């Protein structure tokens, strides 16, 4: 799963994209923009959860499209890394305490960790939230090279979207 060196890499790539958006849209990063990033992260998280489908106990249709699933996870990575960058979080200090768990418990944990972070907005609770989110990928056996490949593809697409009036 993702280690510190990859997190630093993702942080640098995300910073380039965020700076590009800020400059091209003439955005001032303030508390309101940071709040919108947190909301965007939650939206992406819930899109991921909806794609993962384990909570749909009432449904027999649980065929999961792995490509769509990891893409939704990557969308979450974009925002959670951006949030860390806004905090000046040092991704070299991240402790990757991933552990095997039931996916439903992982989902409840990230929601709880997000809520705690959203109240405190500090690097300690951010790191806990980041670990919890990445632990989902660990439990779904997402591979680091696959995550980086799809992130880079999506990052390139996001630059193109900005250039095309997104």
Protein backbone atom coordinates (compact mmCIF):
# COMPACT_ATOMS: atom_id res chain seq x y z
CA UNK A 1 0.00 0.00 0.00
CA UNK A 2 1.02 3.62 -0.30
CA UNK A 3 4.10 4.61 1.67
CA UNK A 4 5.50 8.01 2.59
CA UNK A 5 7.51 8.44 -0.61
CA UNK A 6 4.36 7.95 -2.69
CA UNK A 7 2.40 10.31 -0.44
CA UNK A 8 5.05 12.99 -0.91
CA UNK A 9 4.87 12.42 -4.68
CA UNK A 10 1.06 12.66 -4.64
CA UNK A 11 1.28 15.79 -2.51
CA UNK A 12 3.60 17.45 -5.03
CA UNK A 13 1.41 16.46 -7.98
CA UNK A 14 -1.74 17.62 -6.21
CA UNK A 15 -0.11 20.90 -5.27
CA UNK A 16 0.67 21.56 -8.94
CA UNK A 17 -2.94 20.90 -9.91
CA UNK A 18 -4.35 22.96 -7.06
CA UNK A 19 -2.03 25.88 -7.87
CA UNK A 20 -3.03 25.67 -11.52
CA UNK A 21 -6.72 25.81 -10.59
CA UNK A 22 -6.16 28.64 -8.10
CA UNK A 23 -4.27 30.69 -10.67
CA UNK A 24 -6.55 30.04 -13.63
CA UNK A 25 -9.77 30.58 -11.62
CA UNK A 26 -8.26 33.42 -9.56
CA UNK A 27 -9.28 31.75 -6.33
CA UNK A 28 -8.16 32.90 -2.92
CA UNK A 29 -7.70 29.91 -0.65
CA UNK A 30 -9.53 30.77 2.54
CA UNK A 31 -11.59 28.92 5.14
CA UNK A 32 -14.57 28.77 2.77
CA UNK A 33 -12.54 27.09 0.02
CA UNK A 34 -11.03 24.68 2.55
CA UNK A 35 -14.53 23.80 3.77
CA UNK A 36 -15.60 23.15 0.17
CA UNK A 37 -12.62 20.77 -0.23
CA UNK A 38 -13.76 18.84 2.83
CA UNK A 39 -17.26 18.62 1.40
CA UNK A 40 -15.82 17.50 -1.95
CA UNK A 41 -13.84 14.78 -0.18
CA UNK A 42 -16.99 13.52 1.53
CA UNK A 43 -18.88 13.53 -1.78
CA UNK A 44 -16.11 11.47 -3.38
CA UNK A 45 -16.01 9.15 -0.38
CA UNK A 46 -19.73 8.49 -0.64
CA UNK A 47 -19.48 7.97 -4.40
CA UNK A 48 -16.82 5.38 -3.64
CA UNK A 49 -19.01 3.74 -0.98
CA UNK A 50 -21.91 3.61 -3.42
CA UNK A 51 -19.68 1.96 -6.02
CA UNK A 52 -18.30 -0.52 -3.46
CA UNK A 53 -21.85 -1.68 -2.62
CA UNK A 54 -21.16 -3.78 0.49
CA UNK A 55 -23.72 -1.80 2.48
CA UNK A 56 -26.52 -2.79 0.08
CA UNK A 57 -27.68 -5.75 2.16
CA UNK A 58 -31.04 -5.68 0.36
CA UNK A 59 -29.59 -6.18 -3.11
CA UNK A 60 -28.43 -9.25 -4.98
CA UNK A 61 -26.75 -7.02 -7.56
CA UNK A 62 -23.34 -6.59 -6.00
CA UNK A 63 -21.22 -6.89 -9.11
CA UNK A 64 -18.46 -4.39 -8.51
CA UNK A 65 -16.71 -2.76 -11.44
CA UNK A 66 -13.12 -2.66 -10.12
CA UNK A 67 -12.09 0.10 -12.54
CA UNK A 68 -14.91 2.37 -11.40
CA UNK A 69 -14.22 1.49 -7.78
CA UNK A 70 -10.54 2.42 -7.85
CA UNK A 71 -11.28 5.57 -9.86
CA UNK A 72 -13.66 6.70 -7.13
CA UNK A 73 -10.97 5.92 -4.56
CA UNK A 74 -8.50 8.04 -6.57
CA UNK A 75 -10.98 10.92 -6.65
CA UNK A 76 -10.94 10.76 -2.86
CA UNK A 77 -7.14 10.75 -2.86
CA UNK A 78 -7.10 13.99 -4.85
CA UNK A 79 -9.11 15.79 -2.20
CA UNK A 80 -7.66 14.21 0.92
CA UNK A 81 -4.12 15.05 -0.26
CA UNK A 82 -5.22 18.58 -1.16
CA UNK A 83 -6.64 18.98 2.34
CA UNK A 84 -3.32 17.80 3.80
CA UNK A 85 -1.43 20.26 1.63
CA UNK A 86 -3.62 23.10 2.95
CA UNK A 87 -2.59 22.05 6.47
CA UNK A 88 1.08 21.95 5.44
CA UNK A 89 1.03 18.33 6.55
CA UNK A 90 4.41 16.64 6.28
CA UNK A 91 3.64 13.43 4.42
CA UNK A 92 7.08 12.09 5.38
CA UNK A 93 5.77 11.89 8.95
CA UNK A 94 2.73 9.78 8.05
CA UNK A 95 2.66 6.44 9.83
CA UNK A 96 1.10 3.78 7.66
CA UNK A 97 -0.72 1.78 10.30
CA UNK A 98 -2.86 -0.24 7.91
CA UNK A 99 -4.68 -3.25 9.26
CA UNK A 100 -7.05 -5.88 7.95
CA UNK A 101 -10.65 -5.14 8.70
CA UNK A 102 -14.16 -5.69 7.44
CA UNK A 103 -14.86 -3.11 4.70
CA UNK A 104 -18.02 -1.90 6.42
CA UNK A 105 -16.00 -1.20 9.57
CA UNK A 106 -13.42 0.63 7.46
CA UNK A 107 -16.15 2.83 6.01
CA UNK A 108 -17.60 3.66 9.43
CA UNK A 109 -14.08 4.42 10.67
CA UNK A 110 -13.30 6.93 7.89
CA UNK A 111 -16.59 8.72 8.49
CA UNK A 112 -15.82 8.95 12.22
CA UNK A 113 -12.25 10.10 11.53
CA UNK A 114 -13.50 12.71 9.07
CA UNK A 115 -15.99 14.05 11.61
CA UNK A 116 -13.25 14.35 14.25
CA UNK A 117 -10.91 16.05 11.79
CA UNK A 118 -13.66 18.41 10.64
CA UNK A 119 -14.09 19.61 14.23
CA UNK A 120 -10.41 19.98 15.10
CA UNK A 121 -8.78 20.73 11.72
CA UNK A 122 -5.33 19.76 12.96
CA UNK A 123 -2.54 17.59 11.60
CA UNK A 124 -2.99 14.83 14.19
CA UNK A 125 -6.61 14.15 13.29
CA UNK A 126 -5.77 14.65 9.61
CA UNK A 127 -3.14 11.90 9.82
CA UNK A 128 -5.68 9.60 11.48
CA UNK A 129 -8.21 10.38 8.74
CA UNK A 130 -5.61 9.78 6.03
CA UNK A 131 -4.65 6.43 7.56
CA UNK A 132 -8.29 5.42 7.79
CA UNK A 133 -8.95 6.33 4.15
CA UNK A 134 -5.85 4.58 2.85
CA UNK A 135 -6.72 1.57 4.99
CA UNK A 136 -9.77 1.10 2.77
CA UNK A 137 -7.49 0.70 -0.24
CA UNK A 138 -5.32 -1.69 1.76
CA UNK A 139 -8.33 -3.82 2.64
CA UNK A 140 -9.47 -3.89 -0.98
CA UNK A 141 -5.97 -4.94 -2.07
CA UNK A 142 -5.38 -1.87 -4.24
CA UNK A 143 -1.78 -1.93 -5.40
CA UNK A 144 0.47 1.12 -5.12
CA UNK A 145 1.53 1.04 -8.77
CA UNK A 146 -2.11 0.84 -9.85
CA UNK A 147 -3.08 3.75 -7.59
CA UNK A 148 -0.23 5.90 -8.90
CA UNK A 149 -0.97 5.03 -12.52
CA UNK A 150 -4.65 5.91 -12.25
CA UNK A 151 -3.91 9.00 -10.15
CA UNK A 152 -1.53 10.28 -12.83
CA UNK A 153 -4.07 9.60 -15.58
CA UNK A 154 -6.80 11.38 -13.61
CA UNK A 155 -4.46 14.24 -12.72
CA UNK A 156 -3.66 14.77 -16.40
CA UNK A 157 -7.38 14.65 -17.22
CA UNK A 158 -8.05 17.24 -14.49
CA UNK A 159 -5.53 19.64 -16.04
CA UNK A 160 -7.19 19.13 -19.43
CA UNK A 161 -10.60 19.78 -17.91
CA UNK A 162 -9.35 23.07 -16.49
CA UNK A 163 -7.99 24.06 -19.90
CA UNK A 164 -11.36 23.29 -21.47
CA UNK A 165 -13.48 25.43 -19.17
CA UNK A 166 -14.50 22.84 -16.56
